PDB file of all heavy atoms in Angstrom:
ATOM      1  N   VAL A   1      -1.248   8.531  17.512  1.00  0.00           N
ATOM      2  CA  VAL A   1      -1.880   7.517  18.363  1.00  0.00           C
ATOM      3  C   VAL A   1      -2.664   6.519  17.524  1.00  0.00           C
ATOM      4  O   VAL A   1      -2.603   5.300  17.751  1.00  0.00           O
ATOM      5  CB  VAL A   1      -2.793   8.197  19.407  1.00  0.00           C
ATOM      6  CG1 VAL A   1      -3.649   7.164  20.128  1.00  0.00           C
ATOM      7  CG2 VAL A   1      -1.957   8.975  20.418  1.00  0.00           C
ATOM      8  N   LEU A   2      -3.412   7.020  16.539  1.00  0.00           N
ATOM      9  CA  LEU A   2      -4.187   6.126  15.683  1.00  0.00           C
ATOM     10  C   LEU A   2      -3.278   5.198  14.874  1.00  0.00           C
ATOM     11  O   LEU A   2      -3.602   4.020  14.669  1.00  0.00           O
ATOM     12  CB  LEU A   2      -5.080   6.940  14.747  1.00  0.00           C
ATOM     13  CG  LEU A   2      -6.269   7.665  15.400  1.00  0.00           C
ATOM     14  CD1 LEU A   2      -7.022   8.486  14.369  1.00  0.00           C
ATOM     15  CD2 LEU A   2      -7.205   6.671  16.068  1.00  0.00           C
ATOM     16  N   CYS A   3      -2.135   5.722  14.419  1.00  0.00           N
ATOM     17  CA  CYS A   3      -1.194   4.880  13.669  1.00  0.00           C
ATOM     18  C   CYS A   3      -0.621   3.779  14.564  1.00  0.00           C
ATOM     19  O   CYS A   3      -0.488   2.623  14.134  1.00  0.00           O
ATOM     20  CB  CYS A   3      -0.074   5.740  13.086  1.00  0.00           C
ATOM     21  SG  CYS A   3      -0.590   6.796  11.711  1.00  0.00           S
ATOM     22  N   ILE A   4      -0.281   4.127  15.809  1.00  0.00           N
ATOM     23  CA  ILE A   4       0.233   3.116  16.741  1.00  0.00           C
ATOM     24  C   ILE A   4      -0.841   2.072  17.035  1.00  0.00           C
ATOM     25  O   ILE A   4      -0.573   0.861  17.057  1.00  0.00           O
ATOM     26  CB  ILE A   4       0.709   3.785  18.040  1.00  0.00           C
ATOM     27  CG1 ILE A   4       1.924   4.687  17.762  1.00  0.00           C
ATOM     28  CG2 ILE A   4       1.057   2.742  19.101  1.00  0.00           C
ATOM     29  CD1 ILE A   4       2.384   5.482  18.960  1.00  0.00           C
ATOM     30  N   TRP A   5      -2.070   2.542  17.266  1.00  0.00           N
ATOM     31  CA  TRP A   5      -3.197   1.638  17.526  1.00  0.00           C
ATOM     32  C   TRP A   5      -3.379   0.674  16.354  1.00  0.00           C
ATOM     33  O   TRP A   5      -3.456  -0.548  16.532  1.00  0.00           O
ATOM     34  CB  TRP A   5      -4.444   2.482  17.738  1.00  0.00           C
ATOM     35  CG  TRP A   5      -5.686   1.718  18.103  1.00  0.00           C
ATOM     36  CD1 TRP A   5      -5.880   0.367  18.050  1.00  0.00           C
ATOM     37  CD2 TRP A   5      -6.920   2.282  18.574  1.00  0.00           C
ATOM     38  NE1 TRP A   5      -7.146   0.049  18.456  1.00  0.00           N
ATOM     39  CE2 TRP A   5      -7.803   1.188  18.780  1.00  0.00           C
ATOM     40  CE3 TRP A   5      -7.358   3.564  18.826  1.00  0.00           C
ATOM     41  CZ2 TRP A   5      -9.105   1.387  19.230  1.00  0.00           C
ATOM     42  CZ3 TRP A   5      -8.653   3.752  19.289  1.00  0.00           C
ATOM     43  CH2 TRP A   5      -9.511   2.686  19.489  1.00  0.00           C
ATOM     44  N   LEU A   6      -3.418   1.228  15.128  1.00  0.00           N
ATOM     45  CA  LEU A   6      -3.613   0.390  13.948  1.00  0.00           C
ATOM     46  C   LEU A   6      -2.448  -0.572  13.761  1.00  0.00           C
ATOM     47  O   LEU A   6      -2.641  -1.741  13.399  1.00  0.00           O
ATOM     48  CB  LEU A   6      -3.757   1.275  12.717  1.00  0.00           C
ATOM     49  CG  LEU A   6      -4.012   0.567  11.379  1.00  0.00           C
ATOM     50  CD1 LEU A   6      -5.311  -0.229  11.446  1.00  0.00           C
ATOM     51  CD2 LEU A   6      -4.059   1.572  10.240  1.00  0.00           C
ATOM     52  N   GLY A   7      -1.219  -0.109  14.036  1.00  0.00           N
ATOM     53  CA  GLY A   7      -0.054  -0.980  13.901  1.00  0.00           C
ATOM     54  C   GLY A   7      -0.096  -2.155  14.864  1.00  0.00           C
ATOM     55  O   GLY A   7       0.208  -3.295  14.481  1.00  0.00           O
ATOM     56  N   LEU A   8      -0.473  -1.902  16.126  1.00  0.00           N
ATOM     57  CA  LEU A   8      -0.571  -2.988  17.102  1.00  0.00           C
ATOM     58  C   LEU A   8      -1.641  -3.996  16.702  1.00  0.00           C
ATOM     59  O   LEU A   8      -1.438  -5.210  16.794  1.00  0.00           O
ATOM     60  CB  LEU A   8      -0.866  -2.420  18.496  1.00  0.00           C
ATOM     61  CG  LEU A   8       0.261  -1.633  19.172  1.00  0.00           C
ATOM     62  CD1 LEU A   8      -0.236  -1.010  20.468  1.00  0.00           C
ATOM     63  CD2 LEU A   8       1.456  -2.541  19.441  1.00  0.00           C
ATOM     64  N   SER A   9      -2.796  -3.494  16.271  1.00  0.00           N
ATOM     65  CA  SER A   9      -3.874  -4.401  15.864  1.00  0.00           C
ATOM     66  C   SER A   9      -3.462  -5.238  14.662  1.00  0.00           C
ATOM     67  O   SER A   9      -3.711  -6.449  14.615  1.00  0.00           O
ATOM     68  CB  SER A   9      -5.142  -3.598  15.551  1.00  0.00           C
ATOM     69  OG  SER A   9      -5.645  -2.958  16.711  1.00  0.00           O
ATOM     70  N   LEU A  10      -2.822  -4.602  13.682  1.00  0.00           N
ATOM     71  CA  LEU A  10      -2.377  -5.351  12.508  1.00  0.00           C
ATOM     72  C   LEU A  10      -1.317  -6.383  12.879  1.00  0.00           C
ATOM     73  O   LEU A  10      -1.287  -7.483  12.304  1.00  0.00           O
ATOM     74  CB  LEU A  10      -1.835  -4.388  11.453  1.00  0.00           C
ATOM     75  CG  LEU A  10      -2.875  -3.511  10.740  1.00  0.00           C
ATOM     76  CD1 LEU A  10      -2.199  -2.556   9.773  1.00  0.00           C
ATOM     77  CD2 LEU A  10      -3.901  -4.372  10.020  1.00  0.00           C
ATOM     78  N   ALA A  11      -0.448  -6.050  13.841  1.00  0.00           N
ATOM     79  CA  ALA A  11       0.570  -7.008  14.271  1.00  0.00           C
ATOM     80  C   ALA A  11      -0.070  -8.239  14.911  1.00  0.00           C
ATOM     81  O   ALA A  11       0.351  -9.376  14.654  1.00  0.00           O
ATOM     82  CB  ALA A  11       1.525  -6.340  15.257  1.00  0.00           C
ATOM     83  N   LEU A  12      -1.104  -8.021  15.727  1.00  0.00           N
ATOM     84  CA  LEU A  12      -1.786  -9.155  16.343  1.00  0.00           C
ATOM     85  C   LEU A  12      -2.542  -9.975  15.300  1.00  0.00           C
ATOM     86  O   LEU A  12      -2.576 -11.210  15.380  1.00  0.00           O
ATOM     87  CB  LEU A  12      -2.749  -8.650  17.422  1.00  0.00           C
ATOM     88  CG  LEU A  12      -2.086  -8.053  18.673  1.00  0.00           C
ATOM     89  CD1 LEU A  12      -3.141  -7.568  19.663  1.00  0.00           C
ATOM     90  CD2 LEU A  12      -1.164  -9.061  19.344  1.00  0.00           C
ATOM     91  N   VAL A  13      -3.155  -9.290  14.336  1.00  0.00           N
ATOM     92  CA  VAL A  13      -3.843 -10.028  13.260  1.00  0.00           C
ATOM     93  C   VAL A  13      -2.852 -10.874  12.478  1.00  0.00           C
ATOM     94  O   VAL A  13      -3.122 -12.038  12.145  1.00  0.00           O
ATOM     95  CB  VAL A  13      -4.575  -9.040  12.327  1.00  0.00           C
ATOM     96  CG1 VAL A  13      -5.077  -9.755  11.072  1.00  0.00           C
ATOM     97  CG2 VAL A  13      -5.745  -8.388  13.060  1.00  0.00           C
ATOM     98  N   LEU A  14      -1.679 -10.315  12.201  1.00  0.00           N
ATOM     99  CA  LEU A  14      -0.647 -11.065  11.478  1.00  0.00           C
ATOM    100  C   LEU A  14      -0.190 -12.262  12.293  1.00  0.00           C
ATOM    101  O   LEU A  14       0.012 -13.362  11.755  1.00  0.00           O
ATOM    102  CB  LEU A  14       0.535 -10.148  11.167  1.00  0.00           C
ATOM    103  CG  LEU A  14       1.718 -10.791  10.438  1.00  0.00           C
ATOM    104  CD1 LEU A  14       1.285 -11.331   9.082  1.00  0.00           C
ATOM    105  CD2 LEU A  14       2.862  -9.793  10.282  1.00  0.00           C
ATOM    106  N   TRP A  15      -0.033 -12.060  13.602  1.00  0.00           N
ATOM    107  CA  TRP A  15       0.360 -13.155  14.484  1.00  0.00           C
ATOM    108  C   TRP A  15      -0.675 -14.277  14.442  1.00  0.00           C
ATOM    109  O   TRP A  15      -0.333 -15.465  14.338  1.00  0.00           O
ATOM    110  CB  TRP A  15       0.549 -12.620  15.900  1.00  0.00           C
ATOM    111  CG  TRP A  15       1.125 -13.609  16.864  1.00  0.00           C
ATOM    112  CD1 TRP A  15       1.672 -14.834  16.574  1.00  0.00           C
ATOM    113  CD2 TRP A  15       1.227 -13.461  18.274  1.00  0.00           C
ATOM    114  NE1 TRP A  15       2.106 -15.452  17.712  1.00  0.00           N
ATOM    115  CE2 TRP A  15       1.842 -14.636  18.779  1.00  0.00           C
ATOM    116  CE3 TRP A  15       0.865 -12.458  19.159  1.00  0.00           C
ATOM    117  CZ2 TRP A  15       2.081 -14.824  20.125  1.00  0.00           C
ATOM    118  CZ3 TRP A  15       1.123 -12.639  20.509  1.00  0.00           C
ATOM    119  CH2 TRP A  15       1.718 -13.808  20.980  1.00  0.00           C
ATOM    120  N   LEU A  16      -1.926 -13.900  14.533  1.00  0.00           N
ATOM    121  CA  LEU A  16      -2.993 -14.897  14.476  1.00  0.00           C
ATOM    122  C   LEU A  16      -3.010 -15.621  13.135  1.00  0.00           C
ATOM    123  O   LEU A  16      -3.171 -16.846  13.073  1.00  0.00           O
ATOM    124  CB  LEU A  16      -4.344 -14.223  14.722  1.00  0.00           C
ATOM    125  CG  LEU A  16      -4.630 -13.759  16.157  1.00  0.00           C
ATOM    126  CD1 LEU A  16      -5.872 -12.886  16.189  1.00  0.00           C
ATOM    127  CD2 LEU A  16      -4.801 -14.944  17.083  1.00  0.00           C
ATOM    128  N   ALA A  17      -2.839 -14.871  12.057  1.00  0.00           N
ATOM    129  CA  ALA A  17      -2.851 -15.492  10.725  1.00  0.00           C
ATOM    130  C   ALA A  17      -1.694 -16.470  10.582  1.00  0.00           C
ATOM    131  O   ALA A  17      -1.864 -17.588  10.065  1.00  0.00           O
ATOM    132  CB  ALA A  17      -2.772 -14.412   9.651  1.00  0.00           C
ATOM    133  N   LEU A  18      -0.498 -16.080  11.037  1.00  0.00           N
ATOM    134  CA  LEU A  18       0.646 -16.983  10.969  1.00  0.00           C
ATOM    135  C   LEU A  18       0.423 -18.227  11.833  1.00  0.00           C
ATOM    136  O   LEU A  18       0.817 -19.339  11.467  1.00  0.00           O
ATOM    137  CB  LEU A  18       1.914 -16.252  11.411  1.00  0.00           C
ATOM    138  CG  LEU A  18       2.440 -15.170  10.469  1.00  0.00           C
ATOM    139  CD1 LEU A  18       3.635 -14.461  11.085  1.00  0.00           C
ATOM    140  CD2 LEU A  18       2.807 -15.763   9.122  1.00  0.00           C
ATOM    141  N   GLY A  19      -0.226 -18.015  12.984  1.00  0.00           N
ATOM    142  CA  GLY A  19      -0.521 -19.156  13.851  1.00  0.00           C
ATOM    143  C   GLY A  19      -1.466 -20.141  13.192  1.00  0.00           C
ATOM    144  O   GLY A  19      -1.275 -21.359  13.277  1.00  0.00           O
ATOM    145  N   ILE A  20      -2.494 -19.628  12.528  1.00  0.00           N
ATOM    146  CA  ILE A  20      -3.450 -20.500  11.841  1.00  0.00           C
ATOM    147  C   ILE A  20      -2.769 -21.262  10.715  1.00  0.00           C
ATOM    148  O   ILE A  20      -2.984 -22.471  10.533  1.00  0.00           O
ATOM    149  CB  ILE A  20      -4.635 -19.672  11.320  1.00  0.00           C
ATOM    150  CG1 ILE A  20      -5.445 -19.116  12.493  1.00  0.00           C
ATOM    151  CG2 ILE A  20      -5.524 -20.518  10.412  1.00  0.00           C
ATOM    152  CD1 ILE A  20      -6.529 -18.149  12.075  1.00  0.00           C
ATOM    153  N   ILE A  21      -1.913 -20.555   9.945  1.00  0.00           N
ATOM    154  CA  ILE A  21      -1.191 -21.218   8.854  1.00  0.00           C
ATOM    155  C   ILE A  21      -0.261 -22.295   9.399  1.00  0.00           C
ATOM    156  O   ILE A  21      -0.195 -23.420   8.869  1.00  0.00           O
ATOM    157  CB  ILE A  21      -0.408 -20.177   8.037  1.00  0.00           C
ATOM    158  CG1 ILE A  21      -1.381 -19.224   7.334  1.00  0.00           C
ATOM    159  CG2 ILE A  21       0.503 -20.859   7.027  1.00  0.00           C
ATOM    160  CD1 ILE A  21      -0.703 -18.053   6.645  1.00  0.00           C
ATOM    161  N   HIS A  22       0.440 -21.975  10.476  1.00  0.00           N
ATOM    162  CA  HIS A  22       1.357 -22.942  11.089  1.00  0.00           C
ATOM    163  C   HIS A  22       0.598 -24.167  11.604  1.00  0.00           C
ATOM    164  O   HIS A  22       1.027 -25.309  11.400  1.00  0.00           O
ATOM    165  CB  HIS A  22       2.097 -22.260  12.242  1.00  0.00           C
ATOM    166  CG  HIS A  22       2.944 -23.187  13.053  1.00  0.00           C
ATOM    167  ND1 HIS A  22       4.236 -23.519  12.714  1.00  0.00           N
ATOM    168  CD2 HIS A  22       2.675 -23.869  14.205  1.00  0.00           C
ATOM    169  CE1 HIS A  22       4.727 -24.352  13.609  1.00  0.00           C
ATOM    170  NE2 HIS A  22       3.804 -24.572  14.525  1.00  0.00           N
ATOM    171  N   TRP A  23      -0.553 -23.918  12.227  1.00  0.00           N
ATOM    172  CA  TRP A  23      -1.331 -25.020  12.790  1.00  0.00           C
ATOM    173  C   TRP A  23      -1.881 -25.920  11.686  1.00  0.00           C
ATOM    174  O   TRP A  23      -1.823 -27.144  11.777  1.00  0.00           O
ATOM    175  CB  TRP A  23      -2.462 -24.439  13.635  1.00  0.00           C
ATOM    176  CG  TRP A  23      -3.546 -25.411  13.942  1.00  0.00           C
ATOM    177  CD1 TRP A  23      -3.432 -26.574  14.645  1.00  0.00           C
ATOM    178  CD2 TRP A  23      -4.914 -25.311  13.544  1.00  0.00           C
ATOM    179  NE1 TRP A  23      -4.649 -27.198  14.711  1.00  0.00           N
ATOM    180  CE2 TRP A  23      -5.572 -26.465  14.048  1.00  0.00           C
ATOM    181  CE3 TRP A  23      -5.650 -24.373  12.830  1.00  0.00           C
ATOM    182  CZ2 TRP A  23      -6.931 -26.668  13.838  1.00  0.00           C
ATOM    183  CZ3 TRP A  23      -6.995 -24.580  12.635  1.00  0.00           C
ATOM    184  CH2 TRP A  23      -7.615 -25.729  13.131  1.00  0.00           C
ATOM    185  N   ARG A  24      -2.400 -25.303  10.623  1.00  0.00           N
ATOM    186  CA  ARG A  24      -2.943 -26.108   9.517  1.00  0.00           C
ATOM    187  C   ARG A  24      -1.849 -26.931   8.835  1.00  0.00           C
ATOM    188  O   ARG A  24      -2.085 -28.082   8.445  1.00  0.00           O
ATOM    189  CB  ARG A  24      -3.641 -25.193   8.512  1.00  0.00           C
ATOM    190  CG  ARG A  24      -4.951 -24.613   9.017  1.00  0.00           C
ATOM    191  CD  ARG A  24      -5.646 -23.812   7.932  1.00  0.00           C
ATOM    192  NE  ARG A  24      -6.924 -23.286   8.380  1.00  0.00           N
ATOM    193  CZ  ARG A  24      -8.065 -23.959   8.369  1.00  0.00           C
ATOM    194  NH1 ARG A  24      -8.084 -25.202   7.908  1.00  0.00           N
ATOM    195  NH2 ARG A  24      -9.190 -23.416   8.806  1.00  0.00           N
ATOM    196  N   ALA A  25      -0.672 -26.337   8.695  1.00  0.00           N
ATOM    197  CA  ALA A  25       0.424 -27.086   8.074  1.00  0.00           C
ATOM    198  C   ALA A  25       0.874 -28.231   8.973  1.00  0.00           C
ATOM    199  O   ALA A  25       1.182 -29.331   8.489  1.00  0.00           O
ATOM    200  CB  ALA A  25       1.595 -26.143   7.789  1.00  0.00           C
ATOM    201  N   ALA A  26       0.912 -27.998  10.275  1.00  0.00           N
ATOM    202  CA  ALA A  26       1.354 -29.043  11.199  1.00  0.00           C
ATOM    203  C   ALA A  26       0.366 -30.192  11.262  1.00  0.00           C
ATOM    204  O   ALA A  26       0.758 -31.363  11.403  1.00  0.00           O
ATOM    205  CB  ALA A  26       1.564 -28.452  12.595  1.00  0.00           C
ATOM    206  N   ARG A  27      -0.922 -29.880  11.123  1.00  0.00           N
ATOM    207  CA  ARG A  27      -1.942 -30.927  11.231  1.00  0.00           C
ATOM    208  C   ARG A  27      -1.815 -31.980  10.139  1.00  0.00           C
ATOM    209  O   ARG A  27      -2.229 -33.119  10.327  1.00  0.00           O
ATOM    210  CB  ARG A  27      -3.341 -30.312  11.175  1.00  0.00           C
ATOM    211  CG  ARG A  27      -3.780 -29.644  12.465  1.00  0.00           C
ATOM    212  CD  ARG A  27      -5.237 -29.257  12.400  1.00  0.00           C
ATOM    213  NE  ARG A  27      -6.111 -30.416  12.297  1.00  0.00           N
ATOM    214  CZ  ARG A  27      -7.437 -30.323  12.213  1.00  0.00           C
ATOM    215  NH1 ARG A  27      -8.019 -29.149  12.200  1.00  0.00           N
ATOM    216  NH2 ARG A  27      -8.176 -31.421  12.124  1.00  0.00           N
ATOM    217  N   ARG A  28      -1.234 -31.616   9.008  1.00  0.00           N
ATOM    218  CA  ARG A  28      -1.118 -32.576   7.912  1.00  0.00           C
ATOM    219  C   ARG A  28      -0.210 -33.750   8.280  1.00  0.00           C
ATOM    220  O   ARG A  28      -0.366 -34.846   7.728  1.00  0.00           O
ATOM    221  CB  ARG A  28      -0.586 -31.872   6.664  1.00  0.00           C
ATOM    222  CG  ARG A  28      -1.510 -30.789   6.127  1.00  0.00           C
ATOM    223  CD  ARG A  28      -1.051 -30.334   4.752  1.00  0.00           C
ATOM    224  NE  ARG A  28      -1.851 -29.211   4.268  1.00  0.00           N
ATOM    225  CZ  ARG A  28      -1.468 -27.949   4.307  1.00  0.00           C
ATOM    226  NH1 ARG A  28      -0.270 -27.657   4.794  1.00  0.00           N
ATOM    227  NH2 ARG A  28      -2.242 -26.988   3.853  1.00  0.00           N
ATOM    228  N   SER A  29       0.709 -33.511   9.197  1.00  0.00           N
ATOM    229  CA  SER A  29       1.640 -34.576   9.581  1.00  0.00           C
ATOM    230  C   SER A  29       1.189 -35.322  10.835  1.00  0.00           C
ATOM    231  O   SER A  29       1.842 -36.275  11.252  1.00  0.00           O
ATOM    232  CB  SER A  29       3.038 -33.990   9.826  1.00  0.00           C
ATOM    233  OG  SER A  29       3.014 -33.048  10.886  1.00  0.00           O
ATOM    234  N   TRP A  30       0.084 -34.902  11.450  1.00  0.00           N
ATOM    235  CA  TRP A  30      -0.388 -35.567  12.660  1.00  0.00           C
ATOM    236  C   TRP A  30      -1.211 -36.784  12.289  1.00  0.00           C
ATOM    237  O   TRP A  30      -1.901 -36.817  11.265  1.00  0.00           O
ATOM    238  CB  TRP A  30      -1.239 -34.621  13.505  1.00  0.00           C
ATOM    239  CG  TRP A  30      -0.475 -33.449  14.047  1.00  0.00           C
ATOM    240  CD1 TRP A  30       0.873 -33.284  14.069  1.00  0.00           C
ATOM    241  CD2 TRP A  30      -1.037 -32.264  14.630  1.00  0.00           C
ATOM    242  NE1 TRP A  30       1.204 -32.096  14.630  1.00  0.00           N
ATOM    243  CE2 TRP A  30       0.052 -31.435  14.988  1.00  0.00           C
ATOM    244  CE3 TRP A  30      -2.324 -31.834  14.883  1.00  0.00           C
ATOM    245  CZ2 TRP A  30      -0.124 -30.198  15.587  1.00  0.00           C
ATOM    246  CZ3 TRP A  30      -2.502 -30.594  15.485  1.00  0.00           C
ATOM    247  CH2 TRP A  30      -1.423 -29.794  15.832  1.00  0.00           C
ATOM    248  N   ASP A  31      -1.156 -37.787  13.156  1.00  0.00           N
ATOM    249  CA  ASP A  31      -1.947 -39.004  12.963  1.00  0.00           C
ATOM    250  C   ASP A  31      -3.347 -38.794  13.526  1.00  0.00           C
ATOM    251  O   ASP A  31      -3.520 -38.268  14.634  1.00  0.00           O
ATOM    252  CB  ASP A  31      -1.275 -40.191  13.673  1.00  0.00           C
ATOM    253  CG  ASP A  31       0.089 -40.512  13.081  1.00  0.00           C
ATOM    254  OD1 ASP A  31       0.254 -40.325  11.864  1.00  0.00           O
ATOM    255  OD2 ASP A  31       0.987 -40.931  13.844  1.00  0.00           O
ATOM    256  N   ARG A  32      -4.330 -39.215  12.780  1.00  0.00           N
ATOM    257  CA  ARG A  32      -5.720 -39.138  13.248  1.00  0.00           C
ATOM    258  C   ARG A  32      -6.144 -40.534  13.672  1.00  0.00           C
ATOM    259  O   ARG A  32      -6.207 -41.458  12.852  1.00  0.00           O
ATOM    260  CB  ARG A  32      -6.623 -38.607  12.143  1.00  0.00           C
ATOM    261  CG  ARG A  32      -8.081 -38.491  12.540  1.00  0.00           C
ATOM    262  CD  ARG A  32      -8.861 -37.667  11.539  1.00  0.00           C
ATOM    263  NE  ARG A  32      -8.414 -36.274  11.530  1.00  0.00           N
ATOM    264  CZ  ARG A  32      -9.028 -35.311  10.838  1.00  0.00           C
ATOM    265  NH1 ARG A  32     -10.097 -35.609  10.099  1.00  0.00           N
ATOM    266  NH2 ARG A  32      -8.579 -34.081  10.871  1.00  0.00           N
ATOM    267  N   VAL A  33      -6.415 -40.675  14.966  1.00  0.00           N
ATOM    268  CA  VAL A  33      -6.739 -41.981  15.519  1.00  0.00           C
ATOM    269  C   VAL A  33      -7.978 -41.869  16.400  1.00  0.00           C
ATOM    270  O   VAL A  33      -8.448 -40.778  16.720  1.00  0.00           O
ATOM    271  CB  VAL A  33      -5.557 -42.542  16.346  1.00  0.00           C
ATOM    272  CG1 VAL A  33      -4.296 -42.653  15.493  1.00  0.00           C
ATOM    273  CG2 VAL A  33      -5.290 -41.666  17.570  1.00  0.00           C
ATOM    274  N   THR A  34      -8.497 -43.026  16.772  1.00  0.00           N
ATOM    275  CA  THR A  34      -9.594 -43.095  17.738  1.00  0.00           C
ATOM    276  C   THR A  34      -9.016 -43.592  19.056  1.00  0.00           C
ATOM    277  O   THR A  34      -8.523 -44.712  19.142  1.00  0.00           O
ATOM    278  CB  THR A  34     -10.698 -44.038  17.252  1.00  0.00           C
ATOM    279  OG1 THR A  34     -11.210 -43.552  15.996  1.00  0.00           O
ATOM    280  CG2 THR A  34     -11.840 -44.103  18.266  1.00  0.00           C
ATOM    281  N   LEU A  35      -9.071 -42.724  20.050  1.00  0.00           N
ATOM    282  CA  LEU A  35      -8.468 -43.023  21.344  1.00  0.00           C
ATOM    283  C   LEU A  35      -9.565 -43.081  22.396  1.00  0.00           C
ATOM    284  O   LEU A  35     -10.258 -42.083  22.648  1.00  0.00           O
ATOM    285  CB  LEU A  35      -7.445 -41.940  21.701  1.00  0.00           C
ATOM    286  CG  LEU A  35      -6.430 -42.242  22.798  1.00  0.00           C
ATOM    287  CD1 LEU A  35      -5.548 -43.423  22.416  1.00  0.00           C
ATOM    288  CD2 LEU A  35      -5.580 -41.017  23.078  1.00  0.00           C
ATOM    289  N   ASP A  36      -9.737 -44.271  22.976  1.00  0.00           N
ATOM    290  CA  ASP A  36     -10.791 -44.465  23.991  1.00  0.00           C
ATOM    291  C   ASP A  36     -12.154 -44.040  23.451  1.00  0.00           C
ATOM    292  O   ASP A  36     -12.964 -43.431  24.165  1.00  0.00           O
ATOM    293  CB  ASP A  36     -10.472 -43.692  25.274  1.00  0.00           C
ATOM    294  CG  ASP A  36      -9.157 -44.140  25.900  1.00  0.00           C
ATOM    295  OD1 ASP A  36      -8.760 -45.301  25.665  1.00  0.00           O
ATOM    296  OD2 ASP A  36      -8.530 -43.338  26.615  1.00  0.00           O
ATOM    297  N   GLY A  37     -12.409 -44.337  22.186  1.00  0.00           N
ATOM    298  CA  GLY A  37     -13.695 -44.027  21.587  1.00  0.00           C
ATOM    299  C   GLY A  37     -13.857 -42.603  21.109  1.00  0.00           C
ATOM    300  O   GLY A  37     -14.947 -42.213  20.678  1.00  0.00           O
ATOM    301  N   ILE A  38     -12.790 -41.804  21.154  1.00  0.00           N
ATOM    302  CA  ILE A  38     -12.857 -40.399  20.758  1.00  0.00           C
ATOM    303  C   ILE A  38     -11.856 -40.170  19.629  1.00  0.00           C
ATOM    304  O   ILE A  38     -10.700 -40.583  19.719  1.00  0.00           O
ATOM    305  CB  ILE A  38     -12.551 -39.471  21.951  1.00  0.00           C
ATOM    306  CG1 ILE A  38     -13.560 -39.702  23.081  1.00  0.00           C
ATOM    307  CG2 ILE A  38     -12.569 -38.005  21.517  1.00  0.00           C
ATOM    308  CD1 ILE A  38     -13.263 -38.909  24.331  1.00  0.00           C
ATOM    309  N   ASP A  39     -12.303 -39.503  18.575  1.00  0.00           N
ATOM    310  CA  ASP A  39     -11.406 -39.176  17.463  1.00  0.00           C
ATOM    311  C   ASP A  39     -10.498 -38.015  17.858  1.00  0.00           C
ATOM    312  O   ASP A  39     -10.982 -36.931  18.219  1.00  0.00           O
ATOM    313  CB  ASP A  39     -12.210 -38.800  16.218  1.00  0.00           C
ATOM    314  CG  ASP A  39     -13.004 -39.976  15.673  1.00  0.00           C
ATOM    315  OD1 ASP A  39     -12.584 -41.127  15.907  1.00  0.00           O
ATOM    316  OD2 ASP A  39     -14.051 -39.741  15.033  1.00  0.00           O
TER     317      ASP A  39
END
């Protein structure tokens, strides 16, 4: 049970880490503009 618990938690942590990496990489290609006075 503890191994399954640890495996699920590690899988979610990996998912989150991949999401953060994907988001940071994608942001480099996005345009940063001021829209209606908001960046």
